[in-house]
Every structure is written in C-alpha cells, then in structure tokens.
Amino acid sequence: MAEVLKTIAHPVRLEIIELLESSGTMGVTDLQQKLKIEQSLLSHHLTKMKDKGILCSERNGKNLYYSIALKNIESIFDCMGKCKIV
C-alpha cells in the first residue's frame, strides 16, 4: 500500500487518475491534450503507475488506452478526502 501511495503522490499522476476515474478509459493522445504536458513526460508517469499495478493498458492498432486497474483506488481517495489536515 505504501508503494501505491508513494507512486500516486504526484500532482500529474493524481490528475491522470481523476481523468480515468471520470472517463473509464482514455488514449494517450486524449490524456496528453487534457493535461497539456509532453508525451514523453506523460509516458513516464503512465509507465510508473502501470508498473505498480495502478493502471492497465490495452493496445488497439497504434493507439494505447489506459484505465484504472486498482479498483480500490477510489476507496483510498474517499478515505483520504475524509481526513482532516491539521
């Protein structure tokens, strides 16, 4: 669990997860346009999260689509949202 939290503790990665939570599945090009970051930087973040089992990907022709693999990630965010920062 600590490795998952450490991996998602980056603003861009949190944005990616939020986009995928609302959309279900998104292609790399769509993510890049929404986030307004370089493709190489996006690929770095996606690979890190995929390696930790947070995301999964599926290739359709030349396009790569990502979705959330760790289904309890929403529960983690709900729990974190209920915590009070002191």
PDB file of N, CA and C in Angstrom:
ATOM      1  N   MET A   1       0.826  -1.195   0.000  1.00  0.00           N
ATOM      2  CA  MET A   1       0.000   0.000   0.000  1.00  0.00           C
ATOM      3  C   MET A   1       0.869   1.258   0.000  1.00  0.00           C
ATOM      4  N   ALA A   2       1.969   1.240   0.757  1.00  0.00           N
ATOM      5  CA  ALA A   2       2.839   2.410   0.831  1.00  0.00           C
ATOM      6  C   ALA A   2       3.416   2.749  -0.539  1.00  0.00           C
ATOM      7  N   GLU A   3       3.774   1.721  -1.315  1.00  0.00           N
ATOM      8  CA  GLU A   3       4.333   1.957  -2.649  1.00  0.00           C
ATOM      9  C   GLU A   3       3.297   2.583  -3.581  1.00  0.00           C
ATOM     10  N   VAL A   4       2.054   2.154  -3.453  1.00  0.00           N
ATOM     11  CA  VAL A   4       0.978   2.731  -4.272  1.00  0.00           C
ATOM     12  C   VAL A   4       0.795   4.199  -3.919  1.00  0.00           C
ATOM     13  N   LEU A   5       0.723   4.498  -2.625  1.00  0.00           N
ATOM     14  CA  LEU A   5       0.545   5.889  -2.194  1.00  0.00           C
ATOM     15  C   LEU A   5       1.725   6.751  -2.611  1.00  0.00           C
ATOM     16  N   LYS A   6       2.927   6.205  -2.499  1.00  0.00           N
ATOM     17  CA  LYS A   6       4.126   6.938  -2.913  1.00  0.00           C
ATOM     18  C   LYS A   6       4.080   7.233  -4.416  1.00  0.00           C
ATOM     19  N   THR A   7       3.635   6.262  -5.182  1.00  0.00           N
ATOM     20  CA  THR A   7       3.581   6.419  -6.639  1.00  0.00           C
ATOM     21  C   THR A   7       2.548   7.460  -7.059  1.00  0.00           C
ATOM     22  N   ILE A   8       1.399   7.479  -6.404  1.00  0.00           N
ATOM     23  CA  ILE A   8       0.360   8.433  -6.816  1.00  0.00           C
ATOM     24  C   ILE A   8       0.530   9.808  -6.173  1.00  0.00           C
ATOM     25  N   ALA A   9       1.527   9.950  -5.315  1.00  0.00           N
ATOM     26  CA  ALA A   9       1.740  11.221  -4.616  1.00  0.00           C
ATOM     27  C   ALA A   9       2.464  12.226  -5.507  1.00  0.00           C
ATOM     28  N   HIS A  10       1.930  12.447  -6.676  1.00  0.00           N
ATOM     29  CA  HIS A  10       2.478  13.418  -7.628  1.00  0.00           C
ATOM     30  C   HIS A  10       1.285  14.094  -8.292  1.00  0.00           C
ATOM     31  N   PRO A  11       1.312  15.409  -8.401  1.00  0.00           N
ATOM     32  CA  PRO A  11       0.153  16.126  -8.954  1.00  0.00           C
ATOM     33  C   PRO A  11      -0.304  15.632 -10.328  1.00  0.00           C
ATOM     34  N   VAL A  12       0.633  15.342 -11.222  1.00  0.00           N
ATOM     35  CA  VAL A  12       0.261  14.881 -12.564  1.00  0.00           C
ATOM     36  C   VAL A  12      -0.385  13.502 -12.484  1.00  0.00           C
ATOM     37  N   ARG A  13       0.154  12.636 -11.654  1.00  0.00           N
ATOM     38  CA  ARG A  13      -0.406  11.289 -11.525  1.00  0.00           C
ATOM     39  C   ARG A  13      -1.793  11.325 -10.907  1.00  0.00           C
ATOM     40  N   LEU A  14      -1.994  12.208  -9.961  1.00  0.00           N
ATOM     41  CA  LEU A  14      -3.335  12.373  -9.384  1.00  0.00           C
ATOM     42  C   LEU A  14      -4.323  12.854 -10.438  1.00  0.00           C
ATOM     43  N   GLU A  15      -3.880  13.777 -11.286  1.00  0.00           N
ATOM     44  CA  GLU A  15      -4.753  14.264 -12.373  1.00  0.00           C
ATOM     45  C   GLU A  15      -5.105  13.139 -13.334  1.00  0.00           C
ATOM     46  N   ILE A  16      -4.110  12.307 -13.658  1.00  0.00           N
ATOM     47  CA  ILE A  16      -4.348  11.176 -14.560  1.00  0.00           C
ATOM     48  C   ILE A  16      -5.412  10.256 -13.968  1.00  0.00           C
ATOM     49  N   ILE A  17      -5.270   9.940 -12.694  1.00  0.00           N
ATOM     50  CA  ILE A  17      -6.234   9.056 -12.031  1.00  0.00           C
ATOM     51  C   ILE A  17      -7.626   9.677 -12.019  1.00  0.00           C
ATOM     52  N   GLU A  18      -7.710  10.967 -11.737  1.00  0.00           N
ATOM     53  CA  GLU A  18      -9.012  11.642 -11.736  1.00  0.00           C
ATOM     54  C   GLU A  18      -9.657  11.600 -13.116  1.00  0.00           C
ATOM     55  N   LEU A  19      -8.866  11.828 -14.163  1.00  0.00           N
ATOM     56  CA  LEU A  19      -9.397  11.768 -15.528  1.00  0.00           C
ATOM     57  C   LEU A  19      -9.894  10.362 -15.858  1.00  0.00           C
ATOM     58  N   LEU A  20      -9.115   9.364 -15.482  1.00  0.00           N
ATOM     59  CA  LEU A  20      -9.503   7.985 -15.779  1.00  0.00           C
ATOM     60  C   LEU A  20     -10.695   7.535 -14.942  1.00  0.00           C
ATOM     61  N   GLU A  21     -10.816   8.059 -13.731  1.00  0.00           N
ATOM     62  CA  GLU A  21     -11.993   7.740 -12.909  1.00  0.00           C
ATOM     63  C   GLU A  21     -13.266   8.255 -13.564  1.00  0.00           C
ATOM     64  N   SER A  22     -13.188   9.444 -14.139  1.00  0.00           N
ATOM     65  CA  SER A  22     -14.387  10.031 -14.741  1.00  0.00           C
ATOM     66  C   SER A  22     -14.665   9.491 -16.145  1.00  0.00           C
ATOM     67  N   SER A  23     -13.621   9.098 -16.862  1.00  0.00           N
ATOM     68  CA  SER A  23     -13.794   8.655 -18.250  1.00  0.00           C
ATOM     69  C   SER A  23     -13.788   7.145 -18.428  1.00  0.00           C
ATOM     70  N   GLY A  24     -13.216   6.438 -17.489  1.00  0.00           N
ATOM     71  CA  GLY A  24     -13.104   4.987 -17.625  1.00  0.00           C
ATOM     72  C   GLY A  24     -11.833   4.587 -18.331  1.00  0.00           C
ATOM     73  N   THR A  25     -11.749   4.863 -19.614  1.00  0.00           N
ATOM     74  CA  THR A  25     -10.579   4.540 -20.429  1.00  0.00           C
ATOM     75  C   THR A  25     -10.255   5.743 -21.297  1.00  0.00           C
ATOM     76  N   MET A  26      -8.958   6.037 -21.411  1.00  0.00           N
ATOM     77  CA  MET A  26      -8.539   7.150 -22.264  1.00  0.00           C
ATOM     78  C   MET A  26      -7.271   6.773 -23.016  1.00  0.00           C
ATOM     79  N   GLY A  27      -7.171   7.292 -24.225  1.00  0.00           N
ATOM     80  CA  GLY A  27      -5.970   7.112 -25.012  1.00  0.00           C
ATOM     81  C   GLY A  27      -4.896   8.095 -24.581  1.00  0.00           C
ATOM     82  N   VAL A  28      -3.662   7.777 -24.928  1.00  0.00           N
ATOM     83  CA  VAL A  28      -2.530   8.628 -24.561  1.00  0.00           C
ATOM     84  C   VAL A  28      -2.697  10.028 -25.147  1.00  0.00           C
ATOM     85  N   THR A  29      -3.146  10.127 -26.380  1.00  0.00           N
ATOM     86  CA  THR A  29      -3.328  11.433 -27.020  1.00  0.00           C
ATOM     87  C   THR A  29      -4.361  12.270 -26.284  1.00  0.00           C
ATOM     88  N   ASP A  30      -5.465  11.658 -25.891  1.00  0.00           N
ATOM     89  CA  ASP A  30      -6.503  12.377 -25.143  1.00  0.00           C
ATOM     90  C   ASP A  30      -5.981  12.850 -23.792  1.00  0.00           C
ATOM     91  N   LEU A  31      -5.248  11.982 -23.102  1.00  0.00           N
ATOM     92  CA  LEU A  31      -4.666  12.364 -21.814  1.00  0.00           C
ATOM     93  C   LEU A  31      -3.692  13.525 -21.984  1.00  0.00           C
ATOM     94  N   GLN A  32      -2.873  13.443 -23.016  1.00  0.00           N
ATOM     95  CA  GLN A  32      -1.887  14.494 -23.272  1.00  0.00           C
ATOM     96  C   GLN A  32      -2.570  15.832 -23.533  1.00  0.00           C
ATOM     97  N   GLN A  33      -3.639  15.824 -24.303  1.00  0.00           N
ATOM     98  CA  GLN A  33      -4.361  17.064 -24.597  1.00  0.00           C
ATOM     99  C   GLN A  33      -5.016  17.643 -23.352  1.00  0.00           C
ATOM    100  N   LYS A  34      -5.581  16.794 -22.511  1.00  0.00           N
ATOM    101  CA  LYS A  34      -6.234  17.269 -21.282  1.00  0.00           C
ATOM    102  C   LYS A  34      -5.220  17.826 -20.286  1.00  0.00           C
ATOM    103  N   LEU A  35      -4.077  17.142 -20.165  1.00  0.00           N
ATOM    104  CA  LEU A  35      -3.075  17.522 -19.172  1.00  0.00           C
ATOM    105  C   LEU A  35      -2.129  18.618 -19.657  1.00  0.00           C
ATOM    106  N   LYS A  36      -2.046  18.769 -20.983  1.00  0.00           N
ATOM    107  CA  LYS A  36      -1.161  19.772 -21.588  1.00  0.00           C
ATOM    108  C   LYS A  36       0.296  19.580 -21.158  1.00  0.00           C
ATOM    109  N   ILE A  37       0.769  18.329 -21.277  1.00  0.00           N
ATOM    110  CA  ILE A  37       2.164  18.021 -20.981  1.00  0.00           C
ATOM    111  C   ILE A  37       2.768  17.266 -22.163  1.00  0.00           C
ATOM    112  N   GLU A  38       4.091  17.203 -22.199  1.00  0.00           N
ATOM    113  CA  GLU A  38       4.788  16.500 -23.272  1.00  0.00           C
ATOM    114  C   GLU A  38       4.464  15.006 -23.223  1.00  0.00           C
ATOM    115  N   GLN A  39       4.437  14.389 -24.393  1.00  0.00           N
ATOM    116  CA  GLN A  39       4.115  12.973 -24.498  1.00  0.00           C
ATOM    117  C   GLN A  39       5.122  12.121 -23.731  1.00  0.00           C
ATOM    118  N   SER A  40       6.402  12.489 -23.769  1.00  0.00           N
ATOM    119  CA  SER A  40       7.422  11.703 -23.073  1.00  0.00           C
ATOM    120  C   SER A  40       7.220  11.739 -21.560  1.00  0.00           C
ATOM    121  N   LEU A  41       6.833  12.893 -21.021  1.00  0.00           N
ATOM    122  CA  LEU A  41       6.576  13.015 -19.588  1.00  0.00           C
ATOM    123  C   LEU A  41       5.336  12.216 -19.196  1.00  0.00           C
ATOM    124  N   LEU A  42       4.306  12.292 -20.019  1.00  0.00           N
ATOM    125  CA  LEU A  42       3.089  11.524 -19.762  1.00  0.00           C
ATOM    126  C   LEU A  42       3.396  10.030 -19.769  1.00  0.00           C
ATOM    127  N   SER A  43       4.159   9.577 -20.746  1.00  0.00           N
ATOM    128  CA  SER A  43       4.518   8.158 -20.832  1.00  0.00           C
ATOM    129  C   SER A  43       5.279   7.703 -19.593  1.00  0.00           C
ATOM    130  N   HIS A  44       6.157   8.565 -19.086  1.00  0.00           N
ATOM    131  CA  HIS A  44       6.905   8.259 -17.866  1.00  0.00           C
ATOM    132  C   HIS A  44       5.945   8.000 -16.701  1.00  0.00           C
ATOM    133  N   HIS A  45       4.988   8.899 -16.511  1.00  0.00           N
ATOM    134  CA  HIS A  45       4.033   8.762 -15.412  1.00  0.00           C
ATOM    135  C   HIS A  45       3.138   7.537 -15.596  1.00  0.00           C
ATOM    136  N   LEU A  46       2.668   7.310 -16.812  1.00  0.00           N
ATOM    137  CA  LEU A  46       1.810   6.155 -17.084  1.00  0.00           C
ATOM    138  C   LEU A  46       2.549   4.843 -16.829  1.00  0.00           C
ATOM    139  N   THR A  47       3.801   4.774 -17.253  1.00  0.00           N
ATOM    140  CA  THR A  47       4.607   3.569 -17.050  1.00  0.00           C
ATOM    141  C   THR A  47       4.831   3.296 -15.571  1.00  0.00           C
ATOM    142  N   LYS A  48       5.141   4.336 -14.804  1.00  0.00           N
ATOM    143  CA  LYS A  48       5.341   4.175 -13.354  1.00  0.00           C
ATOM    144  C   LYS A  48       4.088   3.590 -12.704  1.00  0.00           C
ATOM    145  N   MET A  49       2.929   4.135 -13.059  1.00  0.00           N
ATOM    146  CA  MET A  49       1.685   3.665 -12.451  1.00  0.00           C
ATOM    147  C   MET A  49       1.302   2.268 -12.941  1.00  0.00           C
ATOM    148  N   LYS A  50       1.594   1.969 -14.184  1.00  0.00           N
ATOM    149  CA  LYS A  50       1.309   0.633 -14.706  1.00  0.00           C
ATOM    150  C   LYS A  50       2.209  -0.400 -14.029  1.00  0.00           C
ATOM    151  N   ASP A  51       3.477  -0.065 -13.832  1.00  0.00           N
ATOM    152  CA  ASP A  51       4.417  -0.976 -13.178  1.00  0.00           C
ATOM    153  C   ASP A  51       4.008  -1.310 -11.745  1.00  0.00           C
ATOM    154  N   LYS A  52       3.328  -0.389 -11.075  1.00  0.00           N
ATOM    155  CA  LYS A  52       2.872  -0.610  -9.697  1.00  0.00           C
ATOM    156  C   LYS A  52       1.483  -1.247  -9.642  1.00  0.00           C
ATOM    157  N   GLY A  53       0.891  -1.519 -10.810  1.00  0.00           N
ATOM    158  CA  GLY A  53      -0.415  -2.169 -10.845  1.00  0.00           C
ATOM    159  C   GLY A  53      -1.589  -1.229 -10.647  1.00  0.00           C
ATOM    160  N   ILE A  54      -1.331   0.077 -10.730  1.00  0.00           N
ATOM    161  CA  ILE A  54      -2.393   1.065 -10.547  1.00  0.00           C
ATOM    162  C   ILE A  54      -3.211   1.206 -11.824  1.00  0.00           C
ATOM    163  N   LEU A  55      -2.524   1.166 -12.962  1.00  0.00           N
ATOM    164  CA  LEU A  55      -3.173   1.291 -14.268  1.00  0.00           C
ATOM    165  C   LEU A  55      -2.948   0.032 -15.086  1.00  0.00           C
ATOM    166  N   CYS A  56      -3.811  -0.174 -16.059  1.00  0.00           N
ATOM    167  CA  CYS A  56      -3.597  -1.214 -17.056  1.00  0.00           C
ATOM    168  C   CYS A  56      -3.767  -0.565 -18.426  1.00  0.00           C
ATOM    169  N   SER A  57      -3.199  -1.202 -19.433  1.00  0.00           N
ATOM    170  CA  SER A  57      -3.280  -0.629 -20.777  1.00  0.00           C
ATOM    171  C   SER A  57      -3.720  -1.691 -21.768  1.00  0.00           C
ATOM    172  N   GLU A  58      -4.266  -1.192 -22.863  1.00  0.00           N
ATOM    173  CA  GLU A  58      -4.712  -2.069 -23.941  1.00  0.00           C
ATOM    174  C   GLU A  58      -4.383  -1.386 -25.261  1.00  0.00           C
ATOM    175  N   ARG A  59      -3.762  -2.135 -26.145  1.00  0.00           N
ATOM    176  CA  ARG A  59      -3.403  -1.584 -27.445  1.00  0.00           C
ATOM    177  C   ARG A  59      -4.495  -1.905 -28.458  1.00  0.00           C
ATOM    178  N   ASN A  60      -4.857  -0.886 -29.245  1.00  0.00           N
ATOM    179  CA  ASN A  60      -5.814  -1.051 -30.329  1.00  0.00           C
ATOM    180  C   ASN A  60      -5.168  -0.429 -31.558  1.00  0.00           C
ATOM    181  N   GLY A  61      -4.558  -1.269 -32.382  1.00  0.00           N
ATOM    182  CA  GLY A  61      -3.803  -0.756 -33.518  1.00  0.00           C
ATOM    183  C   GLY A  61      -2.568  -0.024 -33.021  1.00  0.00           C
ATOM    184  N   LYS A  62      -2.419   1.226 -33.435  1.00  0.00           N
ATOM    185  CA  LYS A  62      -1.281   2.036 -33.000  1.00  0.00           C
ATOM    186  C   LYS A  62      -1.568   2.783 -31.703  1.00  0.00           C
ATOM    187  N   ASN A  63      -2.800   2.739 -31.250  1.00  0.00           N
ATOM    188  CA  ASN A  63      -3.196   3.511 -30.072  1.00  0.00           C
ATOM    189  C   ASN A  63      -3.133   2.674 -28.800  1.00  0.00           C
ATOM    190  N   LEU A  64      -2.731   3.347 -27.711  1.00  0.00           N
ATOM    191  CA  LEU A  64      -2.648   2.712 -26.406  1.00  0.00           C
ATOM    192  C   LEU A  64      -3.646   3.390 -25.485  1.00  0.00           C
ATOM    193  N   TYR A  65      -4.485   2.590 -24.840  1.00  0.00           N
ATOM    194  CA  TYR A  65      -5.533   3.101 -23.962  1.00  0.00           C
ATOM    195  C   TYR A  65      -5.270   2.644 -22.532  1.00  0.00           C
ATOM    196  N   TYR A  66      -5.465   3.557 -21.594  1.00  0.00           N
ATOM    197  CA  TYR A  66      -5.228   3.269 -20.181  1.00  0.00           C
ATOM    198  C   TYR A  66      -6.525   3.332 -19.393  1.00  0.00           C
ATOM    199  N   SER A  67      -6.581   2.508 -18.358  1.00  0.00           N
ATOM    200  CA  SER A  67      -7.694   2.534 -17.410  1.00  0.00           C
ATOM    201  C   SER A  67      -7.141   2.178 -16.034  1.00  0.00           C
ATOM    202  N   ILE A  68      -7.955   2.382 -15.022  1.00  0.00           N
ATOM    203  CA  ILE A  68      -7.533   2.093 -13.657  1.00  0.00           C
ATOM    204  C   ILE A  68      -7.644   0.594 -13.414  1.00  0.00           C
ATOM    205  N   ALA A  69      -6.544  -0.008 -12.986  1.00  0.00           N
ATOM    206  CA  ALA A  69      -6.517  -1.445 -12.708  1.00  0.00           C
ATOM    207  C   ALA A  69      -6.802  -1.723 -11.244  1.00  0.00           C
ATOM    208  N   LEU A  70      -6.359  -0.823 -10.392  1.00  0.00           N
ATOM    209  CA  LEU A  70      -6.519  -0.997  -8.950  1.00  0.00           C
ATOM    210  C   LEU A  70      -7.889  -0.460  -8.565  1.00  0.00           C
ATOM    211  N   LYS A  71      -8.863  -1.344  -8.503  1.00  0.00           N
ATOM    212  CA  LYS A  71     -10.254  -0.931  -8.319  1.00  0.00           C
ATOM    213  C   LYS A  71     -10.533  -0.258  -6.981  1.00  0.00           C
ATOM    214  N   ASN A  72      -9.710  -0.530  -5.977  1.00  0.00           N
ATOM    215  CA  ASN A  72      -9.960   0.103  -4.685  1.00  0.00           C
ATOM    216  C   ASN A  72      -9.305   1.475  -4.567  1.00  0.00           C
ATOM    217  N   ILE A  73      -8.784   1.998  -5.664  1.00  0.00           N
ATOM    218  CA  ILE A  73      -8.161   3.325  -5.626  1.00  0.00           C
ATOM    219  C   ILE A  73      -9.192   4.390  -5.244  1.00  0.00           C
ATOM    220  N   GLU A  74     -10.437   4.208  -5.671  1.00  0.00           N
ATOM    221  CA  GLU A  74     -11.487   5.159  -5.307  1.00  0.00           C
ATOM    222  C   GLU A  74     -11.715   5.163  -3.801  1.00  0.00           C
ATOM    223  N   SER A  75     -11.651   3.987  -3.184  1.00  0.00           N
ATOM    224  CA  SER A  75     -11.802   3.900  -1.727  1.00  0.00           C
ATOM    225  C   SER A  75     -10.667   4.622  -1.018  1.00  0.00           C
ATOM    226  N   ILE A  76      -9.472   4.505  -1.572  1.00  0.00           N
ATOM    227  CA  ILE A  76      -8.314   5.194  -0.991  1.00  0.00           C
ATOM    228  C   ILE A  76      -8.539   6.696  -1.042  1.00  0.00           C
ATOM    229  N   PHE A  77      -9.003   7.205  -2.186  1.00  0.00           N
ATOM    230  CA  PHE A  77      -9.248   8.644  -2.319  1.00  0.00           C
ATOM    231  C   PHE A  77     -10.383   9.109  -1.413  1.00  0.00           C
ATOM    232  N   ASP A  78     -11.431   8.303  -1.289  1.00  0.00           N
ATOM    233  CA  ASP A  78     -12.535   8.654  -0.391  1.00  0.00           C
ATOM    234  C   ASP A  78     -12.042   8.777   1.043  1.00  0.00           C
ATOM    235  N   CYS A  79     -11.237   7.822   1.461  1.00  0.00           N
ATOM    236  CA  CYS A  79     -10.692   7.830   2.820  1.00  0.00           C
ATOM    237  C   CYS A  79      -9.800   9.050   3.040  1.00  0.00           C
ATOM    238  N   MET A  80      -8.953   9.343   2.067  1.00  0.00           N
ATOM    239  CA  MET A  80      -8.056  10.499   2.183  1.00  0.00           C
ATOM    240  C   MET A  80      -8.852  11.799   2.219  1.00  0.00           C
ATOM    241  N   GLY A  81      -9.940  11.847   1.474  1.00  0.00           N
ATOM    242  CA  GLY A  81     -10.768  13.045   1.436  1.00  0.00           C
ATOM    243  C   GLY A  81     -11.469  13.329   2.753  1.00  0.00           C
ATOM    244  N   LYS A  82     -11.702  12.284   3.532  1.00  0.00           N
ATOM    245  CA  LYS A  82     -12.372  12.443   4.819  1.00  0.00           C
ATOM    246  C   LYS A  82     -11.413  12.836   5.941  1.00  0.00           C
ATOM    247  N   CYS A  83     -10.117  12.706   5.681  1.00  0.00           N
ATOM    248  CA  CYS A  83      -9.118  13.051   6.701  1.00  0.00           C
ATOM    249  C   CYS A  83      -9.004  14.564   6.818  1.00  0.00           C
ATOM    250  N   LYS A  84      -8.846  15.016   8.032  1.00  0.00           N
ATOM    251  CA  LYS A  84      -8.663  16.444   8.268  1.00  0.00           C
ATOM    252  C   LYS A  84      -7.175  16.753   8.335  1.00  0.00           C
ATOM    253  N   ILE A  85      -6.785  17.814   7.664  1.00  0.00           N
ATOM    254  CA  ILE A  85      -5.401  18.268   7.728  1.00  0.00           C
ATOM    255  C   ILE A  85      -5.284  19.219   8.901  1.00  0.00           C
ATOM    256  N   VAL A  86      -4.362  18.916   9.784  1.00  0.00           N
ATOM    257  CA  VAL A  86      -4.200  19.723  10.998  1.00  0.00           C
ATOM    258  C   VAL A  86      -3.031  20.658  10.843  1.00  0.00           C
TER     259      VAL A  86
END
